[in-house]
């Protein structure tokens, strides 16, 4: 390979490495070209590119891209799945299935958002639910606490509104009761006044009657 060609390959690898948060590295030793193409097709379905790389050039690209963790995984015939914006779970599952079916492809590990993954961790990643299901579960986990928070916020407000309504009803009842008591008291005072006036009139009548009777019974005085 000419120097210019090597530089082009390294530059292309650097660009791919920087554009991919997730890389899955496999040993393809023993696979036939049709088998490699089959793996490439399955990985492509999940938005990733499966590429056979040359270790010496990939080491240079990893150093230039600032990914020293990748260098330790470059041992023997190497193929890399560049996930990028693809479905990392789907890619991990496709590679795990290919490894199980061919019994030749071997998972070596990977890089997940700058952190190295072992082969076992790649298989664990492959065992996760599909991306759409996983997003739904994550969304459910996020929404549930929000609903709980909204419930905690709304509950006191509802209670407060209920307390205010109850207090208004209570005050309305007290005011009505006070008005009724005032009306009854006024009526009581009116009746007392009427009774007093009636009693006074009766007393005056009795007094006049007594005076008249006394005058009638007194002896007449003869003029001398």
C-alpha atoms as a PDB file:
ATOM      1  CA  UNK A   1       0.000   0.000   0.000  1.00  0.00           C
ATOM      2  CA  UNK A   2       1.382   3.372  -0.999  1.00  0.00           C
ATOM      3  CA  UNK A   3       2.005   6.043   1.597  1.00  0.00           C
ATOM      4  CA  UNK A   4      -0.705   8.301   0.232  1.00  0.00           C
ATOM      5  CA  UNK A   5      -3.169   5.427   0.320  1.00  0.00           C
ATOM      6  CA  UNK A   6      -2.224   4.671   3.930  1.00  0.00           C
ATOM      7  CA  UNK A   7      -2.695   8.314   4.868  1.00  0.00           C
ATOM      8  CA  UNK A   8      -6.120   8.285   3.282  1.00  0.00           C
ATOM      9  CA  UNK A   9      -7.102   5.113   5.148  1.00  0.00           C
ATOM     10  CA  UNK A  10      -5.864   6.543   8.483  1.00  0.00           C
ATOM     11  CA  UNK A  11      -7.734   9.802   7.913  1.00  0.00           C
ATOM     12  CA  UNK A  12     -10.909   7.857   7.099  1.00  0.00           C
ATOM     13  CA  UNK A  13     -10.519   5.757  10.257  1.00  0.00           C
ATOM     14  CA  UNK A  14      -9.939   8.842  12.392  1.00  0.00           C
ATOM     15  CA  UNK A  15     -13.144  10.384  11.059  1.00  0.00           C
ATOM     16  CA  UNK A  16     -15.126   7.221  11.757  1.00  0.00           C
ATOM     17  CA  UNK A  17     -13.698   6.854  15.255  1.00  0.00           C
ATOM     18  CA  UNK A  18     -14.557  10.433  16.168  1.00  0.00           C
ATOM     19  CA  UNK A  19     -18.072  10.059  14.762  1.00  0.00           C
ATOM     20  CA  UNK A  20     -18.805   6.822  16.657  1.00  0.00           C
ATOM     21  CA  UNK A  21     -19.631   6.775  20.366  1.00  0.00           C
ATOM     22  CA  UNK A  22     -19.762   2.989  20.301  1.00  0.00           C
ATOM     23  CA  UNK A  23     -17.364   0.524  18.712  1.00  0.00           C
ATOM     24  CA  UNK A  24     -17.558  -3.248  18.832  1.00  0.00           C
ATOM     25  CA  UNK A  25     -14.433  -5.155  17.912  1.00  0.00           C
ATOM     26  CA  UNK A  26     -14.448  -8.735  16.668  1.00  0.00           C
ATOM     27  CA  UNK A  27     -11.925 -11.296  15.480  1.00  0.00           C
ATOM     28  CA  UNK A  28     -13.028 -12.479  12.037  1.00  0.00           C
ATOM     29  CA  UNK A  29     -10.269 -15.030  11.606  1.00  0.00           C
ATOM     30  CA  UNK A  30     -11.590 -18.092   9.743  1.00  0.00           C
ATOM     31  CA  UNK A  31     -14.665 -16.449   8.213  1.00  0.00           C
ATOM     32  CA  UNK A  32     -15.149 -16.697   4.487  1.00  0.00           C
ATOM     33  CA  UNK A  33     -15.842 -13.602   2.399  1.00  0.00           C
ATOM     34  CA  UNK A  34     -19.546 -14.518   1.992  1.00  0.00           C
ATOM     35  CA  UNK A  35     -19.795 -14.906   5.777  1.00  0.00           C
ATOM     36  CA  UNK A  36     -18.124 -11.529   6.326  1.00  0.00           C
ATOM     37  CA  UNK A  37     -20.540  -9.963   3.842  1.00  0.00           C
ATOM     38  CA  UNK A  38     -23.423 -11.622   5.694  1.00  0.00           C
ATOM     39  CA  UNK A  39     -22.273 -10.120   9.006  1.00  0.00           C
ATOM     40  CA  UNK A  40     -21.787  -6.742   7.337  1.00  0.00           C
ATOM     41  CA  UNK A  41     -25.360  -6.869   5.994  1.00  0.00           C
ATOM     42  CA  UNK A  42     -26.852  -7.732   9.383  1.00  0.00           C
ATOM     43  CA  UNK A  43     -24.930  -4.962  11.123  1.00  0.00           C
ATOM     44  CA  UNK A  44     -25.896  -2.458   8.435  1.00  0.00           C
ATOM     45  CA  UNK A  45     -29.586  -3.120   9.222  1.00  0.00           C
ATOM     46  CA  UNK A  46     -28.987  -1.463  12.594  1.00  0.00           C
ATOM     47  CA  UNK A  47     -27.237   1.617  11.203  1.00  0.00           C
ATOM     48  CA  UNK A  48     -23.607   0.554  11.682  1.00  0.00           C
ATOM     49  CA  UNK A  49     -20.680  -0.262   9.404  1.00  0.00           C
ATOM     50  CA  UNK A  50     -18.693  -3.465   9.815  1.00  0.00           C
ATOM     51  CA  UNK A  51     -15.179  -3.002   8.441  1.00  0.00           C
ATOM     52  CA  UNK A  52     -12.093  -5.191   8.352  1.00  0.00           C
ATOM     53  CA  UNK A  53      -9.133  -3.024   9.380  1.00  0.00           C
ATOM     54  CA  UNK A  54      -5.379  -3.222   9.404  1.00  0.00           C
ATOM     55  CA  UNK A  55      -4.085  -3.080  12.960  1.00  0.00           C
ATOM     56  CA  UNK A  56      -1.037  -0.894  12.292  1.00  0.00           C
ATOM     57  CA  UNK A  57      -3.103   1.773  10.572  1.00  0.00           C
ATOM     58  CA  UNK A  58      -5.898   1.523  13.127  1.00  0.00           C
ATOM     59  CA  UNK A  59      -3.410   2.075  15.962  1.00  0.00           C
ATOM     60  CA  UNK A  60      -2.260   5.287  14.307  1.00  0.00           C
ATOM     61  CA  UNK A  61      -5.842   6.385  13.809  1.00  0.00           C
ATOM     62  CA  UNK A  62      -6.743   5.552  17.436  1.00  0.00           C
ATOM     63  CA  UNK A  63      -3.851   7.615  18.751  1.00  0.00           C
ATOM     64  CA  UNK A  64      -4.738  10.529  16.487  1.00  0.00           C
ATOM     65  CA  UNK A  65      -8.417  10.336  17.473  1.00  0.00           C
ATOM     66  CA  UNK A  66      -7.519  10.229  21.173  1.00  0.00           C
ATOM     67  CA  UNK A  67      -8.783   6.678  21.785  1.00  0.00           C
ATOM     68  CA  UNK A  68      -5.910   4.800  23.445  1.00  0.00           C
ATOM     69  CA  UNK A  69      -8.383   2.243  24.867  1.00  0.00           C
ATOM     70  CA  UNK A  70      -8.870   0.848  21.372  1.00  0.00           C
ATOM     71  CA  UNK A  71      -5.190  -0.009  20.920  1.00  0.00           C
ATOM     72  CA  UNK A  72      -5.310  -2.847  23.463  1.00  0.00           C
ATOM     73  CA  UNK A  73      -8.078  -4.568  21.465  1.00  0.00           C
ATOM     74  CA  UNK A  74      -6.096  -4.635  18.215  1.00  0.00           C
ATOM     75  CA  UNK A  75      -4.597  -8.082  18.419  1.00  0.00           C
ATOM     76  CA  UNK A  76      -4.909 -10.437  15.468  1.00  0.00           C
ATOM     77  CA  UNK A  77      -7.295 -10.116  12.482  1.00  0.00           C
ATOM     78  CA  UNK A  78      -9.645  -7.285  13.430  1.00  0.00           C
ATOM     79  CA  UNK A  79     -13.019  -6.068  12.249  1.00  0.00           C
ATOM     80  CA  UNK A  80     -14.753  -3.081  13.799  1.00  0.00           C
ATOM     81  CA  UNK A  81     -18.447  -2.232  13.912  1.00  0.00           C
ATOM     82  CA  UNK A  82     -18.689   1.562  13.860  1.00  0.00           C
ATOM     83  CA  UNK A  83     -22.080   2.222  15.442  1.00  0.00           C
ATOM     84  CA  UNK A  84     -22.294   6.024  15.277  1.00  0.00           C
ATOM     85  CA  UNK A  85     -25.981   7.003  15.300  1.00  0.00           C
ATOM     86  CA  UNK A  86     -27.077   3.398  14.880  1.00  0.00           C
ATOM     87  CA  UNK A  87     -28.673   1.023  17.352  1.00  0.00           C
ATOM     88  CA  UNK A  88     -25.824  -0.243  19.512  1.00  0.00           C
ATOM     89  CA  UNK A  89     -28.038  -2.896  21.095  1.00  0.00           C
ATOM     90  CA  UNK A  90     -29.109  -4.167  17.681  1.00  0.00           C
ATOM     91  CA  UNK A  91     -25.495  -4.208  16.467  1.00  0.00           C
ATOM     92  CA  UNK A  92     -24.304  -6.082  19.548  1.00  0.00           C
ATOM     93  CA  UNK A  93     -27.118  -8.598  19.113  1.00  0.00           C
ATOM     94  CA  UNK A  94     -26.332  -9.080  15.402  1.00  0.00           C
ATOM     95  CA  UNK A  95     -22.649  -9.755  16.152  1.00  0.00           C
ATOM     96  CA  UNK A  96     -23.475 -12.049  19.087  1.00  0.00           C
ATOM     97  CA  UNK A  97     -25.896 -14.028  16.895  1.00  0.00           C
ATOM     98  CA  UNK A  98     -23.283 -14.261  14.125  1.00  0.00           C
ATOM     99  CA  UNK A  99     -20.685 -15.480  16.609  1.00  0.00           C
ATOM    100  CA  UNK A 100     -23.091 -18.147  17.874  1.00  0.00           C
ATOM    101  CA  UNK A 101     -24.175 -19.251  14.408  1.00  0.00           C
ATOM    102  CA  UNK A 102     -20.770 -19.363  12.732  1.00  0.00           C
ATOM    103  CA  UNK A 103     -18.850 -20.470  15.813  1.00  0.00           C
ATOM    104  CA  UNK A 104     -15.940 -18.685  14.182  1.00  0.00           C
ATOM    105  CA  UNK A 105     -16.505 -14.968  14.709  1.00  0.00           C
ATOM    106  CA  UNK A 106     -15.245 -13.980  18.156  1.00  0.00           C
ATOM    107  CA  UNK A 107     -16.219 -10.897  20.089  1.00  0.00           C
ATOM    108  CA  UNK A 108     -13.190  -9.154  21.505  1.00  0.00           C
ATOM    109  CA  UNK A 109     -14.761  -6.194  23.287  1.00  0.00           C
ATOM    110  CA  UNK A 110     -15.556  -2.628  22.457  1.00  0.00           C
ATOM    111  CA  UNK A 111     -15.702   1.051  23.396  1.00  0.00           C
ATOM    112  CA  UNK A 112     -18.874   2.584  24.778  1.00  0.00           C
ATOM    113  CA  UNK A 113     -18.794   6.384  25.043  1.00  0.00           C
ATOM    114  CA  UNK A 114     -15.064   6.375  25.677  1.00  0.00           C
ATOM    115  CA  UNK A 115     -15.118   3.479  28.135  1.00  0.00           C
ATOM    116  CA  UNK A 116     -13.781   0.026  27.247  1.00  0.00           C
ATOM    117  CA  UNK A 117     -16.121  -2.971  27.213  1.00  0.00           C
ATOM    118  CA  UNK A 118     -15.155  -6.595  27.598  1.00  0.00           C
ATOM    119  CA  UNK A 119     -16.559  -9.340  25.367  1.00  0.00           C
ATOM    120  CA  UNK A 120     -18.893 -10.321  28.200  1.00  0.00           C
ATOM    121  CA  UNK A 121     -20.185  -6.771  28.467  1.00  0.00           C
ATOM    122  CA  UNK A 122     -20.852  -6.733  24.729  1.00  0.00           C
ATOM    123  CA  UNK A 123     -22.953  -9.874  25.163  1.00  0.00           C
ATOM    124  CA  UNK A 124     -24.755  -8.217  28.067  1.00  0.00           C
ATOM    125  CA  UNK A 125     -25.468  -5.259  25.801  1.00  0.00           C
ATOM    126  CA  UNK A 126     -26.881  -7.658  23.211  1.00  0.00           C
ATOM    127  CA  UNK A 127     -29.279  -9.095  25.811  1.00  0.00           C
ATOM    128  CA  UNK A 128     -31.003  -5.746  26.365  1.00  0.00           C
ATOM    129  CA  UNK A 129     -34.455  -5.097  24.822  1.00  0.00           C
ATOM    130  CA  UNK A 130     -34.635  -3.519  21.347  1.00  0.00           C
ATOM    131  CA  UNK A 131     -34.008   0.220  21.150  1.00  0.00           C
ATOM    132  CA  UNK A 132     -37.687   1.191  20.753  1.00  0.00           C
ATOM    133  CA  UNK A 133     -38.705  -0.958  23.727  1.00  0.00           C
ATOM    134  CA  UNK A 134     -35.788   0.360  25.757  1.00  0.00           C
ATOM    135  CA  UNK A 135     -36.748   3.948  24.975  1.00  0.00           C
ATOM    136  CA  UNK A 136     -40.285   3.205  26.088  1.00  0.00           C
ATOM    137  CA  UNK A 137     -39.042   1.760  29.369  1.00  0.00           C
ATOM    138  CA  UNK A 138     -36.764   4.723  29.971  1.00  0.00           C
ATOM    139  CA  UNK A 139     -39.590   7.123  29.138  1.00  0.00           C
ATOM    140  CA  UNK A 140     -41.872   5.246  31.517  1.00  0.00           C
ATOM    141  CA  UNK A 141     -39.252   5.468  34.251  1.00  0.00           C
ATOM    142  CA  UNK A 142     -39.015   9.210  33.667  1.00  0.00           C
ATOM    143  CA  UNK A 143     -42.744   9.913  33.361  1.00  0.00           C
ATOM    144  CA  UNK A 144     -43.779   7.883  36.426  1.00  0.00           C
ATOM    145  CA  UNK A 145     -41.874  10.072  38.919  1.00  0.00           C
ATOM    146  CA  UNK A 146     -43.172  13.174  37.116  1.00  0.00           C
ATOM    147  CA  UNK A 147     -46.735  11.945  37.551  1.00  0.00           C
ATOM    148  CA  UNK A 148     -46.001  11.300  41.202  1.00  0.00           C
ATOM    149  CA  UNK A 149     -44.609  14.821  41.580  1.00  0.00           C
ATOM    150  CA  UNK A 150     -47.641  16.302  39.837  1.00  0.00           C
ATOM    151  CA  UNK A 151     -49.853  14.294  42.158  1.00  0.00           C
ATOM    152  CA  UNK A 152     -47.995  15.600  45.185  1.00  0.00           C
ATOM    153  CA  UNK A 153     -48.371  19.149  43.880  1.00  0.00           C
ATOM    154  CA  UNK A 154     -52.024  18.844  42.914  1.00  0.00           C
ATOM    155  CA  UNK A 155     -53.169  17.027  46.042  1.00  0.00           C
ATOM    156  CA  UNK A 156     -52.467  19.903  48.474  1.00  0.00           C
ATOM    157  CA  UNK A 157     -54.010  22.372  46.024  1.00  0.00           C
ATOM    158  CA  UNK A 158     -57.150  20.275  45.796  1.00  0.00           C
ATOM    159  CA  UNK A 159     -57.210  19.965  49.571  1.00  0.00           C
ATOM    160  CA  UNK A 160     -56.714  23.704  49.904  1.00  0.00           C
ATOM    161  CA  UNK A 161     -59.597  24.427  47.545  1.00  0.00           C
ATOM    162  CA  UNK A 162     -61.752  22.007  49.511  1.00  0.00           C
ATOM    163  CA  UNK A 163     -60.809  23.669  52.784  1.00  0.00           C
ATOM    164  CA  UNK A 164     -61.571  27.109  51.366  1.00  0.00           C
ATOM    165  CA  UNK A 165     -64.976  25.967  50.103  1.00  0.00           C
ATOM    166  CA  UNK A 166     -65.743  24.370  53.442  1.00  0.00           C
ATOM    167  CA  UNK A 167     -64.723  27.537  55.274  1.00  0.00           C
ATOM    168  CA  UNK A 168     -66.885  29.665  52.996  1.00  0.00           C
ATOM    169  CA  UNK A 169     -69.859  27.410  53.671  1.00  0.00           C
ATOM    170  CA  UNK A 170     -69.101  27.516  57.377  1.00  0.00           C
ATOM    171  CA  UNK A 171     -68.883  31.300  57.419  1.00  0.00           C
ATOM    172  CA  UNK A 172     -72.046  31.552  55.357  1.00  0.00           C
ATOM    173  CA  UNK A 173     -73.837  29.312  57.836  1.00  0.00           C
ATOM    174  CA  UNK A 174     -72.561  31.295  60.797  1.00  0.00           C
ATOM    175  CA  UNK A 175     -73.644  34.572  59.229  1.00  0.00           C
ATOM    176  CA  UNK A 176     -77.105  33.192  58.511  1.00  0.00           C
ATOM    177  CA  UNK A 177     -77.335  31.858  62.051  1.00  0.00           C
ATOM    178  CA  UNK A 178     -76.240  35.213  63.509  1.00  0.00           C
ATOM    179  CA  UNK A 179     -78.792  37.055  61.354  1.00  0.00           C
ATOM    180  CA  UNK A 180     -81.516  34.693  62.485  1.00  0.00           C
ATOM    181  CA  UNK A 181     -80.527  35.139  66.125  1.00  0.00           C
ATOM    182  CA  UNK A 182     -80.522  38.935  65.704  1.00  0.00           C
ATOM    183  CA  UNK A 183     -83.975  38.809  64.122  1.00  0.00           C
ATOM    184  CA  UNK A 184     -85.303  36.636  66.938  1.00  0.00           C
ATOM    185  CA  UNK A 185     -83.789  38.992  69.514  1.00  0.00           C
ATOM    186  CA  UNK A 186     -85.419  42.000  67.828  1.00  0.00           C
ATOM    187  CA  UNK A 187     -88.761  40.240  67.778  1.00  0.00           C
ATOM    188  CA  UNK A 188     -88.305  39.393  71.475  1.00  0.00           C
ATOM    189  CA  UNK A 189     -87.602  43.016  72.342  1.00  0.00           C
ATOM    190  CA  UNK A 190     -90.689  44.136  70.397  1.00  0.00           C
ATOM    191  CA  UNK A 191     -92.910  41.669  72.214  1.00  0.00           C
ATOM    192  CA  UNK A 192     -91.523  42.774  75.586  1.00  0.00           C
ATOM    193  CA  UNK A 193     -92.219  46.415  74.773  1.00  0.00           C
ATOM    194  CA  UNK A 194     -95.757  45.584  73.704  1.00  0.00           C
ATOM    195  CA  UNK A 195     -96.368  43.607  76.869  1.00  0.00           C
ATOM    196  CA  UNK A 196     -95.007  46.438  79.020  1.00  0.00           C
ATOM    197  CA  UNK A 197     -97.209  48.978  77.297  1.00  0.00           C
ATOM    198  CA  UNK A 198    -100.233  46.700  77.706  1.00  0.00           C
ATOM    199  CA  UNK A 199     -99.460  46.126  81.363  1.00  0.00           C
ATOM    200  CA  UNK A 200     -99.104  49.892  81.942  1.00  0.00           C
ATOM    201  CA  UNK A 201    -102.432  50.593  80.282  1.00  0.00           C
ATOM    202  CA  UNK A 202    -104.147  47.944  82.368  1.00  0.00           C
ATOM    203  CA  UNK A 203    -102.622  49.341  85.548  1.00  0.00           C
ATOM    204  CA  UNK A 204    -103.812  52.870  84.761  1.00  0.00           C
ATOM    205  CA  UNK A 205    -107.292  51.537  84.044  1.00  0.00           C
ATOM    206  CA  UNK A 206    -107.435  49.748  87.382  1.00  0.00           C
ATOM    207  CA  UNK A 207    -106.187  52.862  89.169  1.00  0.00           C
ATOM    208  CA  UNK A 208    -108.890  55.058  87.591  1.00  0.00           C
ATOM    209  CA  UNK A 209    -111.549  52.506  88.424  1.00  0.00           C
ATOM    210  CA  UNK A 210    -110.454  52.386  92.070  1.00  0.00           C
ATOM    211  CA  UNK A 211    -110.511  56.180  92.350  1.00  0.00           C
ATOM    212  CA  UNK A 212    -114.010  56.401  90.893  1.00  0.00           C
ATOM    213  CA  UNK A 213    -115.328  53.783  93.253  1.00  0.00           C
ATOM    214  CA  UNK A 214    -113.792  55.584  96.238  1.00  0.00           C
ATOM    215  CA  UNK A 215    -115.373  58.859  95.262  1.00  0.00           C
ATOM    216  CA  UNK A 216    -118.757  57.213  94.793  1.00  0.00           C
ATOM    217  CA  UNK A 217    -118.757  55.597  98.224  1.00  0.00           C
ATOM    218  CA  UNK A 218    -117.723  58.755 100.129  1.00  0.00           C
ATOM    219  CA  UNK A 219    -120.616  60.494 102.171  1.00  0.00           C
ATOM    220  CA  UNK A 220    -121.992  63.757 100.809  1.00  0.00           C
ATOM    221  CA  UNK A 221    -121.446  66.892 102.973  1.00  0.00           C
ATOM    222  CA  UNK A 222    -124.540  69.003 103.719  1.00  0.00           C
ATOM    223  CA  UNK A 223    -124.242  72.694 103.350  1.00  0.00           C
ATOM    224  CA  UNK A 224    -124.943  74.572 106.491  1.00  0.00           C
END
